[in-house]
PDB file of N, CA and C in Angstrom:
ATOM      1  N   UNK A   1       7.740 -23.394  -4.611  1.00  0.00           N
ATOM      2  CA  UNK A   1       8.809 -22.818  -5.387  1.00  0.00           C
ATOM      3  C   UNK A   1      10.128 -23.442  -4.952  1.00  0.00           C
ATOM      4  N   UNK A   2      10.369 -24.567  -5.484  1.00  0.00           N
ATOM      5  CA  UNK A   2      11.541 -25.356  -5.128  1.00  0.00           C
ATOM      6  C   UNK A   2      12.841 -24.623  -5.419  1.00  0.00           C
ATOM      7  N   UNK A   3      12.845 -23.769  -6.409  1.00  0.00           N
ATOM      8  CA  UNK A   3      14.074 -23.087  -6.823  1.00  0.00           C
ATOM      9  C   UNK A   3      14.659 -22.251  -5.687  1.00  0.00           C
ATOM     10  N   UNK A   4      13.814 -21.664  -4.865  1.00  0.00           N
ATOM     11  CA  UNK A   4      14.291 -20.794  -3.796  1.00  0.00           C
ATOM     12  C   UNK A   4      14.935 -21.579  -2.658  1.00  0.00           C
ATOM     13  N   UNK A   5      14.787 -22.892  -2.640  1.00  0.00           N
ATOM     14  CA  UNK A   5      15.362 -23.706  -1.575  1.00  0.00           C
ATOM     15  C   UNK A   5      16.765 -24.191  -1.914  1.00  0.00           C
ATOM     16  N   UNK A   6      17.185 -24.030  -3.143  1.00  0.00           N
ATOM     17  CA  UNK A   6      18.506 -24.480  -3.562  1.00  0.00           C
ATOM     18  C   UNK A   6      19.559 -23.450  -3.174  1.00  0.00           C
ATOM     19  N   UNK A   7      20.828 -23.836  -3.311  1.00  0.00           N
ATOM     20  CA  UNK A   7      21.895 -22.871  -3.087  1.00  0.00           C
ATOM     21  C   UNK A   7      21.901 -21.870  -4.236  1.00  0.00           C
ATOM     22  N   UNK A   8      22.724 -20.847  -4.130  1.00  0.00           N
ATOM     23  CA  UNK A   8      22.791 -19.811  -5.157  1.00  0.00           C
ATOM     24  C   UNK A   8      22.949 -20.433  -6.539  1.00  0.00           C
ATOM     25  N   UNK A   9      22.126 -19.963  -7.461  1.00  0.00           N
ATOM     26  CA  UNK A   9      22.189 -20.507  -8.814  1.00  0.00           C
ATOM     27  C   UNK A   9      22.116 -19.380  -9.832  1.00  0.00           C
ATOM     28  N   UNK A  10      22.333 -19.753 -11.072  1.00  0.00           N
ATOM     29  CA  UNK A  10      22.298 -18.769 -12.157  1.00  0.00           C
ATOM     30  C   UNK A  10      20.903 -18.219 -12.391  1.00  0.00           C
ATOM     31  N   UNK A  11      19.888 -18.891 -11.914  1.00  0.00           N
ATOM     32  CA  UNK A  11      18.523 -18.447 -12.159  1.00  0.00           C
ATOM     33  C   UNK A  11      18.013 -17.462 -11.110  1.00  0.00           C
ATOM     34  N   UNK A  12      18.805 -17.182 -10.074  1.00  0.00           N
ATOM     35  CA  UNK A  12      18.348 -16.291  -9.007  1.00  0.00           C
ATOM     36  C   UNK A  12      17.945 -14.915  -9.528  1.00  0.00           C
ATOM     37  N   UNK A  13      18.759 -14.342 -10.398  1.00  0.00           N
ATOM     38  CA  UNK A  13      18.459 -13.003 -10.908  1.00  0.00           C
ATOM     39  C   UNK A  13      17.178 -13.005 -11.740  1.00  0.00           C
ATOM     40  N   UNK A  14      17.032 -13.996 -12.598  1.00  0.00           N
ATOM     41  CA  UNK A  14      15.830 -14.083 -13.432  1.00  0.00           C
ATOM     42  C   UNK A  14      14.590 -14.318 -12.576  1.00  0.00           C
ATOM     43  N   UNK A  15      14.702 -15.201 -11.603  1.00  0.00           N
ATOM     44  CA  UNK A  15      13.573 -15.488 -10.725  1.00  0.00           C
ATOM     45  C   UNK A  15      13.185 -14.259  -9.912  1.00  0.00           C
ATOM     46  N   UNK A  16      14.165 -13.548  -9.388  1.00  0.00           N
ATOM     47  CA  UNK A  16      13.879 -12.337  -8.617  1.00  0.00           C
ATOM     48  C   UNK A  16      13.194 -11.289  -9.488  1.00  0.00           C
ATOM     49  N   UNK A  17      13.628 -11.156 -10.718  1.00  0.00           N
ATOM     50  CA  UNK A  17      13.010 -10.177 -11.623  1.00  0.00           C
ATOM     51  C   UNK A  17      11.551 -10.531 -11.894  1.00  0.00           C
ATOM     52  N   UNK A  18      11.291 -11.801 -12.148  1.00  0.00           N
ATOM     53  CA  UNK A  18       9.914 -12.239 -12.405  1.00  0.00           C
ATOM     54  C   UNK A  18       9.047 -12.031 -11.167  1.00  0.00           C
ATOM     55  N   UNK A  19       9.550 -12.432 -10.005  1.00  0.00           N
ATOM     56  CA  UNK A  19       8.777 -12.262  -8.773  1.00  0.00           C
ATOM     57  C   UNK A  19       8.500 -10.788  -8.499  1.00  0.00           C
ATOM     58  N   UNK A  20       9.486  -9.929  -8.698  1.00  0.00           N
ATOM     59  CA  UNK A  20       9.275  -8.493  -8.503  1.00  0.00           C
ATOM     60  C   UNK A  20       8.229  -7.945  -9.465  1.00  0.00           C
ATOM     61  N   UNK A  21       8.273  -8.388 -10.705  1.00  0.00           N
ATOM     62  CA  UNK A  21       7.298  -7.934 -11.699  1.00  0.00           C
ATOM     63  C   UNK A  21       5.887  -8.351 -11.302  1.00  0.00           C
ATOM     64  N   UNK A  22       5.747  -9.594 -10.874  1.00  0.00           N
ATOM     65  CA  UNK A  22       4.430 -10.084 -10.459  1.00  0.00           C
ATOM     66  C   UNK A  22       3.953  -9.341  -9.213  1.00  0.00           C
ATOM     67  N   UNK A  23       4.851  -9.072  -8.289  1.00  0.00           N
ATOM     68  CA  UNK A  23       4.470  -8.330  -7.085  1.00  0.00           C
ATOM     69  C   UNK A  23       3.977  -6.927  -7.428  1.00  0.00           C
ATOM     70  N   UNK A  24       4.632  -6.277  -8.361  1.00  0.00           N
ATOM     71  CA  UNK A  24       4.167  -4.951  -8.786  1.00  0.00           C
ATOM     72  C   UNK A  24       2.777  -5.030  -9.405  1.00  0.00           C
ATOM     73  N   UNK A  25       2.512  -6.082 -10.158  1.00  0.00           N
ATOM     74  CA  UNK A  25       1.186  -6.262 -10.747  1.00  0.00           C
ATOM     75  C   UNK A  25       0.139  -6.537  -9.674  1.00  0.00           C
ATOM     76  N   UNK A  26       0.501  -7.312  -8.651  1.00  0.00           N
ATOM     77  CA  UNK A  26      -0.428  -7.572  -7.547  1.00  0.00           C
ATOM     78  C   UNK A  26      -0.760  -6.270  -6.822  1.00  0.00           C
ATOM     79  N   UNK A  27       0.256  -5.466  -6.561  1.00  0.00           N
ATOM     80  CA  UNK A  27       0.025  -4.179  -5.899  1.00  0.00           C
ATOM     81  C   UNK A  27      -0.893  -3.307  -6.746  1.00  0.00           C
ATOM     82  N   UNK A  28      -0.687  -3.310  -8.051  1.00  0.00           N
ATOM     83  CA  UNK A  28      -1.539  -2.535  -8.951  1.00  0.00           C
ATOM     84  C   UNK A  28      -2.980  -3.048  -8.916  1.00  0.00           C
ATOM     85  N   UNK A  29      -3.155  -4.367  -8.901  1.00  0.00           N
ATOM     86  CA  UNK A  29      -4.503  -4.942  -8.813  1.00  0.00           C
ATOM     87  C   UNK A  29      -5.194  -4.546  -7.511  1.00  0.00           C
ATOM     88  N   UNK A  30      -4.454  -4.581  -6.417  1.00  0.00           N
ATOM     89  CA  UNK A  30      -5.032  -4.185  -5.127  1.00  0.00           C
ATOM     90  C   UNK A  30      -5.428  -2.718  -5.162  1.00  0.00           C
ATOM     91  N   UNK A  31      -4.569  -1.894  -5.724  1.00  0.00           N
ATOM     92  CA  UNK A  31      -4.874  -0.463  -5.830  1.00  0.00           C
ATOM     93  C   UNK A  31      -6.131  -0.233  -6.660  1.00  0.00           C
ATOM     94  N   UNK A  32      -6.235  -0.934  -7.787  1.00  0.00           N
ATOM     95  CA  UNK A  32      -7.409  -0.787  -8.649  1.00  0.00           C
ATOM     96  C   UNK A  32      -8.669  -1.292  -7.961  1.00  0.00           C
ATOM     97  N   UNK A  33      -8.553  -2.372  -7.206  1.00  0.00           N
ATOM     98  CA  UNK A  33      -9.708  -2.930  -6.513  1.00  0.00           C
ATOM     99  C   UNK A  33     -10.213  -1.963  -5.452  1.00  0.00           C
ATOM    100  N   UNK A  34      -9.305  -1.256  -4.810  1.00  0.00           N
ATOM    101  CA  UNK A  34      -9.698  -0.284  -3.784  1.00  0.00           C
ATOM    102  C   UNK A  34     -10.542   0.843  -4.380  1.00  0.00           C
ATOM    103  N   UNK A  35     -10.360   1.137  -5.649  1.00  0.00           N
ATOM    104  CA  UNK A  35     -11.113   2.223  -6.274  1.00  0.00           C
ATOM    105  C   UNK A  35     -12.507   1.781  -6.721  1.00  0.00           C
ATOM    106  N   UNK A  36     -12.772   0.473  -6.698  1.00  0.00           N
ATOM    107  CA  UNK A  36     -14.092  -0.030  -7.064  1.00  0.00           C
ATOM    108  C   UNK A  36     -15.055   0.131  -5.895  1.00  0.00           C
ATOM    109  N   UNK A  37     -16.333   0.157  -6.205  1.00  0.00           N
ATOM    110  CA  UNK A  37     -17.345   0.299  -5.159  1.00  0.00           C
ATOM    111  C   UNK A  37     -17.752  -1.090  -4.669  1.00  0.00           C
ATOM    112  N   UNK A  38     -16.898  -1.696  -3.868  1.00  0.00           N
ATOM    113  CA  UNK A  38     -17.140  -3.039  -3.346  1.00  0.00           C
ATOM    114  C   UNK A  38     -17.623  -2.956  -1.903  1.00  0.00           C
ATOM    115  N   UNK A  39     -18.323  -3.989  -1.450  1.00  0.00           N
ATOM    116  CA  UNK A  39     -18.764  -3.990  -0.044  1.00  0.00           C
ATOM    117  C   UNK A  39     -17.568  -3.906   0.911  1.00  0.00           C
ATOM    118  N   UNK A  40     -17.803  -3.369   2.102  1.00  0.00           N
ATOM    119  CA  UNK A  40     -16.709  -3.200   3.062  1.00  0.00           C
ATOM    120  C   UNK A  40     -16.093  -4.520   3.488  1.00  0.00           C
ATOM    121  N   UNK A  41     -16.900  -5.578   3.499  1.00  0.00           N
ATOM    122  CA  UNK A  41     -16.386  -6.875   3.948  1.00  0.00           C
ATOM    123  C   UNK A  41     -15.712  -7.662   2.821  1.00  0.00           C
ATOM    124  N   UNK A  42     -15.578  -7.059   1.647  1.00  0.00           N
ATOM    125  CA  UNK A  42     -14.906  -7.721   0.528  1.00  0.00           C
ATOM    126  C   UNK A  42     -13.414  -7.834   0.834  1.00  0.00           C
ATOM    127  N   UNK A  43     -12.889  -9.041   0.688  1.00  0.00           N
ATOM    128  CA  UNK A  43     -11.475  -9.251   0.990  1.00  0.00           C
ATOM    129  C   UNK A  43     -10.742  -9.821  -0.210  1.00  0.00           C
ATOM    130  N   UNK A  44      -9.479  -9.551  -0.269  1.00  0.00           N
ATOM    131  CA  UNK A  44      -8.624 -10.036  -1.349  1.00  0.00           C
ATOM    132  C   UNK A  44      -7.716 -11.148  -0.833  1.00  0.00           C
ATOM    133  N   UNK A  45      -8.297 -12.124  -0.154  1.00  0.00           N
ATOM    134  CA  UNK A  45      -7.488 -13.154   0.506  1.00  0.00           C
ATOM    135  C   UNK A  45      -6.551 -13.889  -0.438  1.00  0.00           C
ATOM    136  N   UNK A  46      -7.047 -14.298  -1.596  1.00  0.00           N
ATOM    137  CA  UNK A  46      -6.190 -15.044  -2.521  1.00  0.00           C
ATOM    138  C   UNK A  46      -5.021 -14.191  -3.001  1.00  0.00           C
ATOM    139  N   UNK A  47      -5.305 -12.948  -3.305  1.00  0.00           N
ATOM    140  CA  UNK A  47      -4.252 -12.037  -3.747  1.00  0.00           C
ATOM    141  C   UNK A  47      -3.265 -11.758  -2.615  1.00  0.00           C
ATOM    142  N   UNK A  48      -3.778 -11.604  -1.408  1.00  0.00           N
ATOM    143  CA  UNK A  48      -2.907 -11.363  -0.253  1.00  0.00           C
ATOM    144  C   UNK A  48      -2.004 -12.556   0.023  1.00  0.00           C
ATOM    145  N   UNK A  49      -2.551 -13.765  -0.062  1.00  0.00           N
ATOM    146  CA  UNK A  49      -1.741 -14.968   0.161  1.00  0.00           C
ATOM    147  C   UNK A  49      -0.625 -15.067  -0.869  1.00  0.00           C
ATOM    148  N   UNK A  50      -0.965 -14.798  -2.113  1.00  0.00           N
ATOM    149  CA  UNK A  50       0.033 -14.843  -3.183  1.00  0.00           C
ATOM    150  C   UNK A  50       1.125 -13.819  -2.933  1.00  0.00           C
ATOM    151  N   UNK A  51       0.723 -12.626  -2.545  1.00  0.00           N
ATOM    152  CA  UNK A  51       1.691 -11.564  -2.263  1.00  0.00           C
ATOM    153  C   UNK A  51       2.654 -11.987  -1.152  1.00  0.00           C
ATOM    154  N   UNK A  52       2.116 -12.512  -0.067  1.00  0.00           N
ATOM    155  CA  UNK A  52       2.945 -12.932   1.069  1.00  0.00           C
ATOM    156  C   UNK A  52       3.900 -14.047   0.652  1.00  0.00           C
ATOM    157  N   UNK A  53       3.418 -15.008  -0.128  1.00  0.00           N
ATOM    158  CA  UNK A  53       4.265 -16.107  -0.599  1.00  0.00           C
ATOM    159  C   UNK A  53       5.410 -15.581  -1.461  1.00  0.00           C
ATOM    160  N   UNK A  54       5.109 -14.693  -2.392  1.00  0.00           N
ATOM    161  CA  UNK A  54       6.136 -14.154  -3.279  1.00  0.00           C
ATOM    162  C   UNK A  54       7.165 -13.332  -2.505  1.00  0.00           C
ATOM    163  N   UNK A  55       6.710 -12.523  -1.566  1.00  0.00           N
ATOM    164  CA  UNK A  55       7.639 -11.727  -0.761  1.00  0.00           C
ATOM    165  C   UNK A  55       8.554 -12.649   0.039  1.00  0.00           C
ATOM    166  N   UNK A  56       7.998 -13.709   0.595  1.00  0.00           N
ATOM    167  CA  UNK A  56       8.803 -14.675   1.345  1.00  0.00           C
ATOM    168  C   UNK A  56       9.869 -15.310   0.452  1.00  0.00           C
ATOM    169  N   UNK A  57       9.494 -15.688  -0.755  1.00  0.00           N
ATOM    170  CA  UNK A  57      10.454 -16.286  -1.684  1.00  0.00           C
ATOM    171  C   UNK A  57      11.551 -15.288  -2.065  1.00  0.00           C
ATOM    172  N   UNK A  58      11.165 -14.030  -2.282  1.00  0.00           N
ATOM    173  CA  UNK A  58      12.166 -13.006  -2.602  1.00  0.00           C
ATOM    174  C   UNK A  58      13.134 -12.794  -1.439  1.00  0.00           C
ATOM    175  N   UNK A  59      12.611 -12.768  -0.229  1.00  0.00           N
ATOM    176  CA  UNK A  59      13.485 -12.597   0.934  1.00  0.00           C
ATOM    177  C   UNK A  59      14.485 -13.744   1.036  1.00  0.00           C
ATOM    178  N   UNK A  60      14.048 -14.955   0.744  1.00  0.00           N
ATOM    179  CA  UNK A  60      14.956 -16.110   0.760  1.00  0.00           C
ATOM    180  C   UNK A  60      16.030 -15.966  -0.317  1.00  0.00           C
ATOM    181  N   UNK A  61      15.628 -15.499  -1.494  1.00  0.00           N
ATOM    182  CA  UNK A  61      16.602 -15.274  -2.566  1.00  0.00           C
ATOM    183  C   UNK A  61      17.633 -14.229  -2.155  1.00  0.00           C
ATOM    184  N   UNK A  62      17.169 -13.133  -1.561  1.00  0.00           N
ATOM    185  CA  UNK A  62      18.069 -12.058  -1.151  1.00  0.00           C
ATOM    186  C   UNK A  62      19.024 -12.512  -0.054  1.00  0.00           C
ATOM    187  N   UNK A  63      18.533 -13.334   0.875  1.00  0.00           N
ATOM    188  CA  UNK A  63      19.402 -13.852   1.939  1.00  0.00           C
ATOM    189  C   UNK A  63      20.502 -14.737   1.359  1.00  0.00           C
ATOM    190  N   UNK A  64      20.146 -15.514   0.367  1.00  0.00           N
ATOM    191  CA  UNK A  64      21.075 -16.474  -0.216  1.00  0.00           C
ATOM    192  C   UNK A  64      22.071 -15.820  -1.169  1.00  0.00           C
ATOM    193  N   UNK A  65      21.687 -14.727  -1.789  1.00  0.00           N
ATOM    194  CA  UNK A  65      22.510 -14.105  -2.815  1.00  0.00           C
ATOM    195  C   UNK A  65      22.706 -12.625  -2.483  1.00  0.00           C
ATOM    196  N   UNK A  66      23.819 -12.300  -1.850  1.00  0.00           N
ATOM    197  CA  UNK A  66      24.052 -10.923  -1.407  1.00  0.00           C
ATOM    198  C   UNK A  66      24.170  -9.939  -2.566  1.00  0.00           C
ATOM    199  N   UNK A  67      24.702 -10.376  -3.694  1.00  0.00           N
ATOM    200  CA  UNK A  67      24.801  -9.481  -4.856  1.00  0.00           C
ATOM    201  C   UNK A  67      23.414  -9.088  -5.348  1.00  0.00           C
ATOM    202  N   UNK A  68      22.490 -10.007  -5.271  1.00  0.00           N
ATOM    203  CA  UNK A  68      21.118  -9.738  -5.687  1.00  0.00           C
ATOM    204  C   UNK A  68      20.482  -8.708  -4.757  1.00  0.00           C
ATOM    205  N   UNK A  69      20.759  -8.819  -3.485  1.00  0.00           N
ATOM    206  CA  UNK A  69      20.191  -7.894  -2.504  1.00  0.00           C
ATOM    207  C   UNK A  69      20.743  -6.480  -2.660  1.00  0.00           C
ATOM    208  N   UNK A  70      21.913  -6.335  -3.262  1.00  0.00           N
ATOM    209  CA  UNK A  70      22.543  -5.019  -3.416  1.00  0.00           C
ATOM    210  C   UNK A  70      22.000  -4.223  -4.602  1.00  0.00           C
ATOM    211  N   UNK A  71      21.232  -4.845  -5.467  1.00  0.00           N
ATOM    212  CA  UNK A  71      20.710  -4.161  -6.653  1.00  0.00           C
ATOM    213  C   UNK A  71      19.701  -3.104  -6.223  1.00  0.00           C
ATOM    214  N   UNK A  72      19.885  -1.892  -6.718  1.00  0.00           N
ATOM    215  CA  UNK A  72      18.972  -0.801  -6.418  1.00  0.00           C
ATOM    216  C   UNK A  72      17.833  -0.814  -7.429  1.00  0.00           C
ATOM    217  N   UNK A  73      16.587  -0.797  -6.946  1.00  0.00           N
ATOM    218  CA  UNK A  73      15.462  -0.827  -7.885  1.00  0.00           C
ATOM    219  C   UNK A  73      15.352   0.457  -8.696  1.00  0.00           C
ATOM    220  N   UNK A  74      14.928   0.312  -9.937  1.00  0.00           N
ATOM    221  CA  UNK A  74      14.663   1.469 -10.798  1.00  0.00           C
ATOM    222  C   UNK A  74      13.182   1.772 -10.731  1.00  0.00           C
ATOM    223  N   UNK A  75      12.858   3.005 -10.459  1.00  0.00           N
ATOM    224  CA  UNK A  75      11.445   3.386 -10.380  1.00  0.00           C
ATOM    225  C   UNK A  75      10.994   4.096 -11.606  1.00  0.00           C
TER     226      UNK A  75
END
């Protein structure tokens, strides 16, 4: 995600919104998977890696753009 390595840009807000939306969907997928009758050793490694990558990118965006970090999420 090259965009997160640049200085503050006009796309920061849009990128943060998309990343947050995808993260919420990942959390929902994990929640739904937990309700399935899967073996105990079943792991969601690919989903977990994606989640960690997206969170890292969001943290970089928030560090770079203080106005973005001040936005209160709507639940």
